[in-house]
């Protein structure tokens, strides 16, 4: 295992010791390690198609695209064989359709693009991915966390994560950037595990603990 790679169980133990609030959450909800996901072109298509949507809506649209393409792995070649109207009919917006078509162009020119990312640090991976039109800090962070399995990714721009922190740490108003950094700095080097815990906590109903 590389120094970047997520060790979920170690992360739970570390966070429980470093943060009493998060420790209570972990003890109560008993979060499980997420399944490994392949870091490929299809992964980025899935992330782009699901931007700013609920999990259910994102899955529906992505599955329509998969069905249209014959349920095969989505590749740059398959996307480039489509006309924009076919992708739009799957439920993607004009902007997302353009992003996915542009992404296919990039991968056809640079087929080793993702392979070259694998050994980089999380920060550099996120910076490189953000240079691609349609991929912001949220999308890049999700890819580094779930698909490259990096251990210390905090998903900036995720509304659910921000909400969970506000509820757990007693913040009544909109949280300042500096306050979020203050709360989350103690989670390093397992900020990825912390994000997974917070998402799970919200999914379980955001139960408060005494």
N, C-alpha and C. Protein backbone atom coordinates (compact mmCIF):
# COMPACT_ATOMS: atom_id res chain seq x y z
N UNK A 1 0.85 -1.20 0.00
CA UNK A 1 0.00 0.00 0.00
C UNK A 1 0.88 1.24 0.00
N UNK A 2 0.58 2.21 -0.89
CA UNK A 2 1.38 3.42 -0.95
C UNK A 2 1.01 4.34 0.20
N UNK A 3 1.82 5.38 0.41
CA UNK A 3 1.55 6.32 1.50
C UNK A 3 0.27 7.10 1.27
N UNK A 4 -0.16 7.19 0.01
CA UNK A 4 -1.39 7.92 -0.32
C UNK A 4 -2.64 7.10 -0.07
N UNK A 5 -2.51 5.77 -0.11
CA UNK A 5 -3.68 4.91 -0.21
C UNK A 5 -4.46 4.83 1.09
N UNK A 6 -5.77 4.83 0.92
CA UNK A 6 -6.67 4.82 2.06
C UNK A 6 -6.67 3.48 2.78
N UNK A 7 -6.44 3.52 4.11
CA UNK A 7 -6.66 2.37 4.96
C UNK A 7 -7.83 2.75 5.86
N UNK A 8 -9.00 2.29 5.50
CA UNK A 8 -10.23 2.77 6.12
C UNK A 8 -10.29 2.47 7.61
N UNK A 9 -9.95 1.26 8.01
CA UNK A 9 -10.04 0.89 9.42
C UNK A 9 -9.05 1.67 10.27
N UNK A 10 -7.84 1.85 9.76
CA UNK A 10 -6.87 2.68 10.48
C UNK A 10 -7.41 4.09 10.63
N UNK A 11 -8.06 4.57 9.58
CA UNK A 11 -8.64 5.92 9.63
C UNK A 11 -9.70 6.05 10.70
N UNK A 12 -10.55 5.06 10.84
CA UNK A 12 -11.60 5.11 11.87
C UNK A 12 -11.00 5.17 13.27
N UNK A 13 -9.98 4.37 13.50
CA UNK A 13 -9.31 4.37 14.82
C UNK A 13 -8.66 5.72 15.09
N UNK A 14 -7.97 6.24 14.10
CA UNK A 14 -7.28 7.53 14.24
C UNK A 14 -8.27 8.66 14.54
N UNK A 15 -9.35 8.71 13.73
CA UNK A 15 -10.34 9.79 13.90
C UNK A 15 -11.04 9.70 15.25
N UNK A 16 -11.29 8.48 15.72
CA UNK A 16 -11.96 8.30 17.01
C UNK A 16 -11.10 8.85 18.15
N UNK A 17 -9.79 8.75 18.01
CA UNK A 17 -8.88 9.25 19.03
C UNK A 17 -8.70 10.76 18.95
N UNK A 18 -8.69 11.28 17.73
CA UNK A 18 -8.37 12.70 17.51
C UNK A 18 -9.56 13.63 17.65
N UNK A 19 -10.78 13.11 17.46
CA UNK A 19 -11.97 13.96 17.43
C UNK A 19 -13.10 13.26 18.17
N UNK A 20 -13.42 13.76 19.36
CA UNK A 20 -14.43 13.10 20.20
C UNK A 20 -15.80 13.08 19.53
N UNK A 21 -16.14 14.15 18.84
CA UNK A 21 -17.44 14.21 18.17
C UNK A 21 -17.52 13.16 17.07
N UNK A 22 -16.50 13.13 16.24
CA UNK A 22 -16.50 12.15 15.15
C UNK A 22 -16.41 10.73 15.72
N UNK A 23 -15.71 10.58 16.84
CA UNK A 23 -15.61 9.28 17.50
C UNK A 23 -16.97 8.75 17.91
N UNK A 24 -17.83 9.63 18.44
CA UNK A 24 -19.19 9.22 18.83
C UNK A 24 -20.00 8.78 17.61
N UNK A 25 -19.82 9.52 16.52
CA UNK A 25 -20.54 9.17 15.28
C UNK A 25 -20.10 7.80 14.79
N UNK A 26 -18.80 7.58 14.76
CA UNK A 26 -18.25 6.30 14.28
C UNK A 26 -18.75 5.14 15.13
N UNK A 27 -18.76 5.33 16.43
CA UNK A 27 -19.22 4.28 17.33
C UNK A 27 -20.69 3.94 17.10
N UNK A 28 -21.48 4.96 16.80
CA UNK A 28 -22.92 4.76 16.65
C UNK A 28 -23.30 4.16 15.29
N UNK A 29 -22.72 4.68 14.21
CA UNK A 29 -23.20 4.27 12.88
C UNK A 29 -22.38 3.13 12.27
N UNK A 30 -21.20 2.86 12.84
CA UNK A 30 -20.35 1.76 12.37
C UNK A 30 -20.18 1.76 10.85
N UNK A 31 -19.57 2.79 10.31
CA UNK A 31 -19.43 2.90 8.85
C UNK A 31 -18.56 1.79 8.27
N UNK A 32 -18.90 1.39 7.06
CA UNK A 32 -18.15 0.33 6.37
C UNK A 32 -17.34 0.92 5.23
N UNK A 33 -16.24 0.24 4.92
CA UNK A 33 -15.36 0.70 3.85
C UNK A 33 -16.09 0.64 2.50
N UNK A 34 -16.00 1.69 1.71
CA UNK A 34 -16.66 1.66 0.39
C UNK A 34 -15.99 0.68 -0.55
N UNK A 35 -16.76 0.18 -1.49
CA UNK A 35 -16.20 -0.75 -2.47
C UNK A 35 -15.19 -0.04 -3.37
N UNK A 36 -14.18 -0.78 -3.80
CA UNK A 36 -13.19 -0.23 -4.73
C UNK A 36 -13.85 0.05 -6.08
N UNK A 37 -13.43 1.12 -6.70
CA UNK A 37 -13.98 1.51 -8.00
C UNK A 37 -12.83 1.70 -8.99
N UNK A 38 -13.09 1.36 -10.24
CA UNK A 38 -12.03 1.45 -11.26
C UNK A 38 -11.82 2.90 -11.69
N UNK A 39 -10.57 3.38 -11.65
CA UNK A 39 -10.27 4.75 -12.07
C UNK A 39 -10.10 4.84 -13.58
N UNK A 40 -11.19 4.97 -14.29
CA UNK A 40 -11.14 4.97 -15.75
C UNK A 40 -11.98 6.12 -16.32
N UNK A 41 -12.07 6.15 -17.63
CA UNK A 41 -12.84 7.19 -18.32
C UNK A 41 -14.30 7.18 -17.86
N UNK A 42 -14.87 5.99 -17.74
CA UNK A 42 -16.27 5.88 -17.32
C UNK A 42 -16.49 6.54 -15.95
N UNK A 43 -15.52 6.42 -15.06
CA UNK A 43 -15.64 7.02 -13.73
C UNK A 43 -15.83 8.52 -13.83
N UNK A 44 -15.05 9.16 -14.68
CA UNK A 44 -15.17 10.61 -14.83
C UNK A 44 -16.49 10.99 -15.49
N UNK A 45 -16.96 10.16 -16.43
CA UNK A 45 -18.27 10.40 -17.04
C UNK A 45 -19.36 10.32 -15.98
N UNK A 46 -19.27 9.32 -15.11
CA UNK A 46 -20.25 9.16 -14.03
C UNK A 46 -20.26 10.39 -13.12
N UNK A 47 -19.07 10.85 -12.75
CA UNK A 47 -18.96 12.00 -11.85
C UNK A 47 -19.54 13.25 -12.50
N UNK A 48 -19.17 13.50 -13.75
CA UNK A 48 -19.69 14.69 -14.44
C UNK A 48 -21.21 14.62 -14.58
N UNK A 49 -21.73 13.46 -14.94
CA UNK A 49 -23.17 13.34 -15.15
C UNK A 49 -23.96 13.52 -13.86
N UNK A 50 -23.30 13.27 -12.73
CA UNK A 50 -23.99 13.37 -11.44
C UNK A 50 -23.80 14.67 -10.70
N UNK A 51 -23.10 15.63 -11.31
CA UNK A 51 -22.85 16.90 -10.64
C UNK A 51 -24.15 17.63 -10.30
N UNK A 52 -24.24 18.10 -9.05
CA UNK A 52 -25.36 18.92 -8.57
C UNK A 52 -26.71 18.19 -8.66
N UNK A 53 -26.66 16.87 -8.57
CA UNK A 53 -27.89 16.07 -8.58
C UNK A 53 -27.94 15.18 -7.34
N UNK A 54 -29.11 14.75 -6.97
CA UNK A 54 -29.24 13.76 -5.90
C UNK A 54 -28.65 12.44 -6.38
N UNK A 55 -28.33 11.57 -5.45
CA UNK A 55 -27.77 10.27 -5.81
C UNK A 55 -28.72 9.49 -6.71
N UNK A 56 -30.01 9.56 -6.40
CA UNK A 56 -31.00 8.81 -7.19
C UNK A 56 -31.08 9.34 -8.62
N UNK A 57 -31.14 10.66 -8.77
CA UNK A 57 -31.22 11.27 -10.10
C UNK A 57 -29.95 10.99 -10.90
N UNK A 58 -28.80 11.09 -10.22
CA UNK A 58 -27.52 10.84 -10.88
C UNK A 58 -27.45 9.41 -11.40
N UNK A 59 -27.87 8.45 -10.58
CA UNK A 59 -27.84 7.04 -10.98
C UNK A 59 -28.77 6.78 -12.16
N UNK A 60 -29.95 7.39 -12.13
CA UNK A 60 -30.92 7.20 -13.22
C UNK A 60 -30.35 7.66 -14.55
N UNK A 61 -29.77 8.84 -14.56
CA UNK A 61 -29.23 9.40 -15.80
C UNK A 61 -28.04 8.59 -16.30
N UNK A 62 -27.15 8.25 -15.37
CA UNK A 62 -25.97 7.47 -15.77
C UNK A 62 -26.39 6.11 -16.32
N UNK A 63 -27.36 5.47 -15.68
CA UNK A 63 -27.82 4.15 -16.15
C UNK A 63 -28.50 4.23 -17.51
N UNK A 64 -29.18 5.35 -17.78
CA UNK A 64 -29.76 5.54 -19.12
C UNK A 64 -28.66 5.59 -20.17
N UNK A 65 -27.58 6.30 -19.85
CA UNK A 65 -26.46 6.39 -20.78
C UNK A 65 -25.83 5.02 -20.99
N UNK A 66 -25.67 4.27 -19.90
CA UNK A 66 -25.12 2.91 -20.00
C UNK A 66 -26.02 2.02 -20.87
N UNK A 67 -27.33 2.11 -20.65
CA UNK A 67 -28.26 1.30 -21.42
C UNK A 67 -28.20 1.66 -22.91
N UNK A 68 -28.12 2.96 -23.18
CA UNK A 68 -28.05 3.41 -24.57
C UNK A 68 -26.81 2.87 -25.27
N UNK A 69 -25.71 2.77 -24.52
CA UNK A 69 -24.45 2.30 -25.08
C UNK A 69 -24.31 0.78 -25.01
N UNK A 70 -25.40 0.11 -24.66
CA UNK A 70 -25.39 -1.34 -24.64
C UNK A 70 -24.83 -1.94 -23.36
N UNK A 71 -24.83 -1.13 -22.28
CA UNK A 71 -24.34 -1.55 -20.96
C UNK A 71 -22.87 -1.94 -20.96
N UNK A 72 -22.16 -1.59 -22.00
CA UNK A 72 -20.71 -1.82 -22.04
C UNK A 72 -20.02 -0.75 -21.19
N UNK A 73 -18.75 -1.00 -20.89
CA UNK A 73 -17.97 0.05 -20.24
C UNK A 73 -17.95 1.26 -21.16
N UNK A 74 -18.19 2.43 -20.60
CA UNK A 74 -18.20 3.65 -21.41
C UNK A 74 -16.75 4.04 -21.73
N UNK A 75 -16.45 4.13 -23.00
CA UNK A 75 -15.10 4.47 -23.45
C UNK A 75 -15.15 5.74 -24.29
N UNK A 76 -14.01 6.39 -24.48
CA UNK A 76 -13.98 7.58 -25.35
C UNK A 76 -14.48 7.26 -26.76
N UNK A 77 -14.14 6.08 -27.26
CA UNK A 77 -14.56 5.71 -28.60
C UNK A 77 -16.09 5.63 -28.71
N UNK A 78 -16.73 5.00 -27.70
CA UNK A 78 -18.19 4.89 -27.72
C UNK A 78 -18.86 6.27 -27.66
N UNK A 79 -18.31 7.15 -26.83
CA UNK A 79 -18.88 8.50 -26.71
C UNK A 79 -18.74 9.26 -28.02
N UNK A 80 -17.60 9.14 -28.68
CA UNK A 80 -17.39 9.89 -29.91
C UNK A 80 -18.23 9.37 -31.07
N UNK A 81 -18.74 8.17 -30.94
CA UNK A 81 -19.64 7.62 -31.96
C UNK A 81 -21.06 8.17 -31.82
N UNK A 82 -21.32 8.85 -30.70
CA UNK A 82 -22.64 9.41 -30.45
C UNK A 82 -22.74 10.82 -31.03
N UNK A 83 -23.95 11.21 -31.36
CA UNK A 83 -24.20 12.61 -31.64
C UNK A 83 -24.74 13.24 -30.35
N UNK A 84 -24.53 14.55 -30.16
CA UNK A 84 -24.94 15.18 -28.89
C UNK A 84 -26.39 14.92 -28.50
N UNK A 85 -27.28 14.90 -29.49
CA UNK A 85 -28.71 14.70 -29.19
C UNK A 85 -28.97 13.35 -28.52
N UNK A 86 -28.19 12.35 -28.86
CA UNK A 86 -28.37 11.03 -28.25
C UNK A 86 -28.00 11.05 -26.77
N UNK A 87 -26.95 11.79 -26.44
CA UNK A 87 -26.54 11.90 -25.04
C UNK A 87 -27.54 12.76 -24.27
N UNK A 88 -28.01 13.82 -24.90
CA UNK A 88 -29.00 14.70 -24.26
C UNK A 88 -30.26 13.93 -23.89
N UNK A 89 -30.67 13.00 -24.75
CA UNK A 89 -31.90 12.23 -24.51
C UNK A 89 -31.78 11.34 -23.26
N UNK A 90 -30.56 11.07 -22.83
CA UNK A 90 -30.36 10.27 -21.61
C UNK A 90 -30.58 11.09 -20.35
N UNK A 91 -30.74 12.42 -20.52
CA UNK A 91 -31.03 13.28 -19.38
C UNK A 91 -29.91 14.22 -19.00
N UNK A 92 -28.82 14.20 -19.74
CA UNK A 92 -27.72 15.11 -19.44
C UNK A 92 -28.01 16.49 -20.01
N UNK A 93 -27.50 17.51 -19.34
CA UNK A 93 -27.68 18.88 -19.81
C UNK A 93 -26.77 19.15 -21.01
N UNK A 94 -27.02 20.28 -21.67
CA UNK A 94 -26.16 20.68 -22.78
C UNK A 94 -24.71 20.81 -22.33
N UNK A 95 -24.52 21.44 -21.18
CA UNK A 95 -23.16 21.67 -20.68
C UNK A 95 -22.45 20.34 -20.38
N UNK A 96 -23.14 19.44 -19.68
CA UNK A 96 -22.52 18.16 -19.34
C UNK A 96 -22.24 17.32 -20.58
N UNK A 97 -23.11 17.41 -21.56
CA UNK A 97 -22.88 16.69 -22.82
C UNK A 97 -21.61 17.18 -23.49
N UNK A 98 -21.42 18.49 -23.51
CA UNK A 98 -20.20 19.07 -24.10
C UNK A 98 -18.96 18.65 -23.30
N UNK A 99 -19.09 18.65 -21.98
CA UNK A 99 -17.95 18.26 -21.14
C UNK A 99 -17.52 16.82 -21.43
N UNK A 100 -18.49 15.93 -21.55
CA UNK A 100 -18.20 14.51 -21.77
C UNK A 100 -17.59 14.30 -23.16
N UNK A 101 -18.11 15.00 -24.16
CA UNK A 101 -17.54 14.90 -25.50
C UNK A 101 -16.11 15.44 -25.54
N UNK A 102 -15.87 16.55 -24.84
CA UNK A 102 -14.52 17.11 -24.77
C UNK A 102 -13.57 16.17 -24.02
N UNK A 103 -14.10 15.52 -22.98
CA UNK A 103 -13.31 14.56 -22.22
C UNK A 103 -12.90 13.39 -23.10
N UNK A 104 -13.82 12.93 -23.93
CA UNK A 104 -13.51 11.84 -24.86
C UNK A 104 -12.39 12.25 -25.82
N UNK A 105 -12.44 13.49 -26.31
CA UNK A 105 -11.37 14.00 -27.18
C UNK A 105 -10.02 13.96 -26.47
N UNK A 106 -10.01 14.40 -25.22
CA UNK A 106 -8.76 14.40 -24.44
C UNK A 106 -8.19 13.00 -24.30
N UNK A 107 -9.05 12.03 -23.98
CA UNK A 107 -8.58 10.66 -23.75
C UNK A 107 -8.12 9.99 -25.04
N UNK A 108 -8.72 10.37 -26.14
CA UNK A 108 -8.28 9.80 -27.42
C UNK A 108 -6.90 10.33 -27.81
N UNK A 109 -6.62 11.58 -27.43
CA UNK A 109 -5.30 12.16 -27.70
C UNK A 109 -4.27 11.69 -26.68
N UNK A 110 -4.71 11.56 -25.42
CA UNK A 110 -3.82 11.16 -24.32
C UNK A 110 -4.37 9.91 -23.63
N UNK A 111 -4.25 8.75 -24.24
CA UNK A 111 -4.85 7.53 -23.66
C UNK A 111 -4.26 7.13 -22.31
N UNK A 112 -3.05 7.61 -21.98
CA UNK A 112 -2.42 7.27 -20.70
C UNK A 112 -2.62 8.35 -19.64
N UNK A 113 -3.56 9.24 -19.89
CA UNK A 113 -3.77 10.38 -19.00
C UNK A 113 -3.97 9.96 -17.54
N UNK A 114 -4.87 9.02 -17.30
CA UNK A 114 -5.16 8.61 -15.92
C UNK A 114 -4.02 7.79 -15.33
N UNK A 115 -3.39 6.97 -16.13
CA UNK A 115 -2.27 6.17 -15.65
C UNK A 115 -1.17 7.07 -15.10
N UNK A 116 -0.96 8.20 -15.76
CA UNK A 116 0.10 9.13 -15.34
C UNK A 116 -0.26 9.86 -14.05
N UNK A 117 -1.54 9.86 -13.68
CA UNK A 117 -1.98 10.52 -12.45
C UNK A 117 -1.75 9.67 -11.20
N UNK A 118 -1.72 8.36 -11.38
CA UNK A 118 -1.85 7.44 -10.25
C UNK A 118 -0.79 7.62 -9.16
N UNK A 119 0.42 7.97 -9.54
CA UNK A 119 1.50 8.07 -8.55
C UNK A 119 1.69 9.48 -8.02
N UNK A 120 0.81 10.40 -8.40
CA UNK A 120 0.94 11.78 -7.93
C UNK A 120 0.27 11.94 -6.57
N UNK A 121 0.62 13.00 -5.87
CA UNK A 121 -0.03 13.33 -4.60
C UNK A 121 -1.45 13.82 -4.87
N UNK A 122 -2.30 13.70 -3.85
CA UNK A 122 -3.71 14.07 -4.01
C UNK A 122 -3.88 15.50 -4.51
N UNK A 123 -3.14 16.42 -3.91
CA UNK A 123 -3.27 17.83 -4.27
C UNK A 123 -2.96 18.04 -5.75
N UNK A 124 -1.92 17.40 -6.25
CA UNK A 124 -1.53 17.56 -7.65
C UNK A 124 -2.57 16.92 -8.56
N UNK A 125 -3.08 15.75 -8.18
CA UNK A 125 -4.13 15.09 -8.97
C UNK A 125 -5.33 16.01 -9.13
N UNK A 126 -5.75 16.60 -8.03
CA UNK A 126 -6.93 17.48 -8.05
C UNK A 126 -6.67 18.71 -8.91
N UNK A 127 -5.46 19.26 -8.83
CA UNK A 127 -5.11 20.42 -9.64
C UNK A 127 -5.10 20.08 -11.13
N UNK A 128 -4.55 18.92 -11.48
CA UNK A 128 -4.49 18.50 -12.88
C UNK A 128 -5.90 18.27 -13.44
N UNK A 129 -6.74 17.59 -12.68
CA UNK A 129 -8.09 17.29 -13.15
C UNK A 129 -8.92 18.56 -13.33
N UNK A 130 -8.68 19.55 -12.49
CA UNK A 130 -9.45 20.79 -12.59
C UNK A 130 -9.13 21.60 -13.85
N UNK A 131 -8.06 21.24 -14.53
CA UNK A 131 -7.73 21.91 -15.79
C UNK A 131 -8.63 21.45 -16.94
N UNK A 132 -9.36 20.34 -16.71
CA UNK A 132 -10.28 19.82 -17.72
C UNK A 132 -11.62 20.55 -17.58
N UNK A 133 -12.11 21.08 -18.67
CA UNK A 133 -13.38 21.81 -18.64
C UNK A 133 -14.50 20.90 -18.15
N UNK A 134 -15.23 21.37 -17.15
CA UNK A 134 -16.34 20.59 -16.61
C UNK A 134 -15.99 19.83 -15.34
N UNK A 135 -14.71 19.85 -14.95
CA UNK A 135 -14.29 19.18 -13.71
C UNK A 135 -13.78 20.24 -12.74
N UNK A 136 -14.55 20.46 -11.68
CA UNK A 136 -14.16 21.40 -10.64
C UNK A 136 -13.55 20.68 -9.46
N UNK A 137 -13.40 21.40 -8.37
CA UNK A 137 -12.72 20.82 -7.20
C UNK A 137 -13.53 19.66 -6.61
N UNK A 138 -14.87 19.75 -6.64
CA UNK A 138 -15.70 18.66 -6.11
C UNK A 138 -15.48 17.38 -6.92
N UNK A 139 -15.62 17.48 -8.23
CA UNK A 139 -15.48 16.30 -9.09
C UNK A 139 -14.09 15.70 -8.99
N UNK A 140 -13.07 16.56 -8.98
CA UNK A 140 -11.69 16.08 -8.89
C UNK A 140 -11.44 15.38 -7.56
N UNK A 141 -12.01 15.93 -6.49
CA UNK A 141 -11.84 15.35 -5.16
C UNK A 141 -12.53 13.99 -5.05
N UNK A 142 -13.74 13.89 -5.61
CA UNK A 142 -14.47 12.62 -5.60
C UNK A 142 -13.66 11.55 -6.33
N UNK A 143 -13.06 11.91 -7.45
CA UNK A 143 -12.26 10.95 -8.21
C UNK A 143 -11.05 10.49 -7.40
N UNK A 144 -10.35 11.44 -6.77
CA UNK A 144 -9.16 11.10 -5.98
C UNK A 144 -9.52 10.24 -4.78
N UNK A 145 -10.68 10.50 -4.19
CA UNK A 145 -11.08 9.75 -2.98
C UNK A 145 -11.59 8.35 -3.33
N UNK A 146 -12.60 8.27 -4.19
CA UNK A 146 -13.27 6.99 -4.42
C UNK A 146 -12.62 6.13 -5.49
N UNK A 147 -11.97 6.75 -6.45
CA UNK A 147 -11.45 5.97 -7.58
C UNK A 147 -9.94 5.76 -7.52
N UNK A 148 -9.22 6.73 -6.95
CA UNK A 148 -7.78 6.54 -6.75
C UNK A 148 -7.47 6.14 -5.30
N UNK A 149 -8.53 6.13 -4.46
CA UNK A 149 -8.41 5.59 -3.10
C UNK A 149 -7.41 6.34 -2.24
N UNK A 150 -7.35 7.66 -2.41
CA UNK A 150 -6.42 8.46 -1.61
C UNK A 150 -6.99 8.75 -0.23
N UNK A 151 -6.10 8.80 0.74
CA UNK A 151 -6.53 8.80 2.14
C UNK A 151 -6.86 10.17 2.71
N UNK A 152 -6.31 11.24 2.14
CA UNK A 152 -6.41 12.53 2.81
C UNK A 152 -7.07 13.58 1.93
N UNK A 153 -8.21 13.22 1.35
CA UNK A 153 -8.95 14.13 0.48
C UNK A 153 -10.15 14.70 1.23
N UNK A 154 -10.21 16.02 1.35
CA UNK A 154 -11.41 16.66 1.86
C UNK A 154 -12.19 17.20 0.67
N UNK A 155 -13.46 16.85 0.57
CA UNK A 155 -14.24 17.18 -0.63
C UNK A 155 -14.84 18.58 -0.49
N UNK A 156 -14.02 19.56 -0.85
CA UNK A 156 -14.49 20.94 -0.85
C UNK A 156 -15.62 21.10 -1.85
N UNK A 157 -16.60 21.90 -1.48
CA UNK A 157 -17.72 22.15 -2.38
C UNK A 157 -18.86 21.17 -2.22
N UNK A 158 -18.71 20.19 -1.32
CA UNK A 158 -19.78 19.23 -1.11
C UNK A 158 -20.75 19.78 -0.07
N UNK A 159 -21.98 20.03 -0.50
CA UNK A 159 -22.97 20.65 0.39
C UNK A 159 -23.30 19.75 1.58
N UNK A 160 -23.36 18.45 1.35
CA UNK A 160 -23.70 17.51 2.43
C UNK A 160 -22.61 17.50 3.51
N UNK A 161 -21.36 17.50 3.08
CA UNK A 161 -20.26 17.51 4.05
C UNK A 161 -20.30 18.78 4.90
N UNK A 162 -20.52 19.90 4.24
CA UNK A 162 -20.58 21.18 4.96
C UNK A 162 -21.75 21.18 5.94
N UNK A 163 -22.88 20.64 5.50
CA UNK A 163 -24.05 20.56 6.39
C UNK A 163 -23.77 19.69 7.60
N UNK A 164 -23.13 18.54 7.39
CA UNK A 164 -22.83 17.63 8.49
C UNK A 164 -21.90 18.29 9.51
N UNK A 165 -20.88 18.99 9.03
CA UNK A 165 -19.96 19.67 9.94
C UNK A 165 -20.70 20.74 10.74
N UNK A 166 -21.54 21.50 10.06
CA UNK A 166 -22.30 22.55 10.74
C UNK A 166 -23.20 21.96 11.84
N UNK A 167 -23.87 20.86 11.55
CA UNK A 167 -24.77 20.24 12.53
C UNK A 167 -24.01 19.63 13.70
N UNK A 168 -22.90 18.97 13.42
CA UNK A 168 -22.17 18.26 14.47
C UNK A 168 -21.37 19.19 15.36
N UNK A 169 -20.88 20.28 14.79
CA UNK A 169 -19.98 21.15 15.55
C UNK A 169 -20.65 22.45 16.00
N UNK A 170 -21.99 22.46 15.95
CA UNK A 170 -22.75 23.54 16.55
C UNK A 170 -22.63 24.88 15.87
N UNK A 171 -22.46 24.87 14.57
CA UNK A 171 -22.38 26.13 13.83
C UNK A 171 -23.78 26.51 13.34
N UNK A 172 -24.30 27.64 13.84
CA UNK A 172 -25.66 28.05 13.48
C UNK A 172 -25.73 28.77 12.15
N UNK A 173 -24.67 29.46 11.77
CA UNK A 173 -24.67 30.27 10.57
C UNK A 173 -23.81 29.61 9.48
N UNK A 174 -23.78 30.26 8.31
CA UNK A 174 -22.92 29.82 7.22
C UNK A 174 -21.48 29.78 7.71
N UNK A 175 -20.79 28.68 7.46
CA UNK A 175 -19.45 28.48 8.01
C UNK A 175 -18.40 29.17 7.16
N UNK A 176 -17.48 29.83 7.84
CA UNK A 176 -16.35 30.45 7.16
C UNK A 176 -15.35 29.37 6.75
N UNK A 177 -14.64 29.65 5.66
CA UNK A 177 -13.63 28.72 5.14
C UNK A 177 -12.60 28.37 6.22
N UNK A 178 -12.18 29.41 6.97
CA UNK A 178 -11.15 29.19 8.00
C UNK A 178 -11.65 28.27 9.10
N UNK A 179 -12.94 28.37 9.43
CA UNK A 179 -13.51 27.53 10.48
C UNK A 179 -13.54 26.06 10.03
N UNK A 180 -13.87 25.84 8.77
CA UNK A 180 -13.88 24.47 8.25
C UNK A 180 -12.46 23.89 8.30
N UNK A 181 -11.47 24.69 7.92
CA UNK A 181 -10.08 24.24 7.98
C UNK A 181 -9.69 23.88 9.41
N UNK A 182 -10.13 24.72 10.36
CA UNK A 182 -9.81 24.48 11.78
C UNK A 182 -10.38 23.14 12.25
N UNK A 183 -11.63 22.87 11.90
CA UNK A 183 -12.28 21.63 12.33
C UNK A 183 -11.66 20.41 11.66
N UNK A 184 -11.39 20.51 10.36
CA UNK A 184 -10.96 19.35 9.59
C UNK A 184 -9.47 19.07 9.63
N UNK A 185 -8.68 20.04 10.10
CA UNK A 185 -7.23 19.85 10.10
C UNK A 185 -6.81 18.68 10.99
N UNK A 186 -7.56 18.44 12.06
CA UNK A 186 -7.21 17.34 12.97
C UNK A 186 -7.47 15.97 12.34
N UNK A 187 -8.19 15.95 11.23
CA UNK A 187 -8.50 14.67 10.56
C UNK A 187 -7.37 14.18 9.67
N UNK A 188 -6.43 15.04 9.33
CA UNK A 188 -5.29 14.63 8.51
C UNK A 188 -4.47 13.59 9.26
N UNK A 189 -4.04 12.49 8.62
CA UNK A 189 -4.05 12.18 7.18
C UNK A 189 -5.22 11.28 6.74
N UNK A 190 -6.38 11.38 7.42
CA UNK A 190 -7.51 10.51 7.09
C UNK A 190 -8.77 11.32 6.81
N UNK A 191 -8.62 12.41 6.09
CA UNK A 191 -9.79 13.23 5.80
C UNK A 191 -10.78 12.52 4.86
N UNK A 192 -10.28 11.61 4.03
CA UNK A 192 -11.18 10.83 3.17
C UNK A 192 -12.14 9.99 4.01
N UNK A 193 -11.59 9.30 5.00
CA UNK A 193 -12.42 8.49 5.90
C UNK A 193 -13.44 9.37 6.61
N UNK A 194 -13.02 10.54 7.05
CA UNK A 194 -13.93 11.46 7.73
C UNK A 194 -15.10 11.85 6.83
N UNK A 195 -14.82 12.14 5.56
CA UNK A 195 -15.90 12.49 4.63
C UNK A 195 -16.88 11.33 4.48
N UNK A 196 -16.36 10.12 4.36
CA UNK A 196 -17.22 8.93 4.23
C UNK A 196 -18.10 8.77 5.47
N UNK A 197 -17.53 9.01 6.64
CA UNK A 197 -18.29 8.94 7.89
C UNK A 197 -19.41 9.97 7.90
N UNK A 198 -19.10 11.19 7.49
CA UNK A 198 -20.11 12.26 7.51
C UNK A 198 -21.24 11.99 6.53
N UNK A 199 -20.93 11.50 5.35
CA UNK A 199 -21.98 11.13 4.39
C UNK A 199 -22.88 10.04 4.97
N UNK A 200 -22.25 9.04 5.58
CA UNK A 200 -23.00 7.94 6.17
C UNK A 200 -23.90 8.44 7.31
N UNK A 201 -23.37 9.35 8.11
CA UNK A 201 -24.13 9.92 9.23
C UNK A 201 -25.39 10.63 8.72
N UNK A 202 -25.26 11.39 7.67
CA UNK A 202 -26.43 12.06 7.10
C UNK A 202 -27.41 11.04 6.54
N UNK A 203 -26.90 10.01 5.87
CA UNK A 203 -27.77 8.97 5.32
C UNK A 203 -28.55 8.24 6.41
N UNK A 204 -27.94 8.15 7.59
CA UNK A 204 -28.59 7.46 8.72
C UNK A 204 -29.58 8.37 9.46
N UNK A 205 -29.71 9.61 9.01
CA UNK A 205 -30.69 10.51 9.62
C UNK A 205 -30.10 11.59 10.48
N UNK A 206 -28.77 11.75 10.44
CA UNK A 206 -28.08 12.81 11.19
C UNK A 206 -28.46 12.78 12.68
N UNK A 207 -28.34 11.59 13.28
CA UNK A 207 -28.69 11.41 14.69
C UNK A 207 -27.71 12.20 15.55
N UNK A 208 -28.25 12.95 16.51
CA UNK A 208 -27.41 13.70 17.44
C UNK A 208 -27.09 12.82 18.65
N UNK A 209 -25.91 13.03 19.25
CA UNK A 209 -25.48 12.24 20.39
C UNK A 209 -25.24 13.14 21.57
N UNK A 210 -25.54 12.64 22.76
CA UNK A 210 -25.34 13.43 23.97
C UNK A 210 -23.87 13.38 24.40
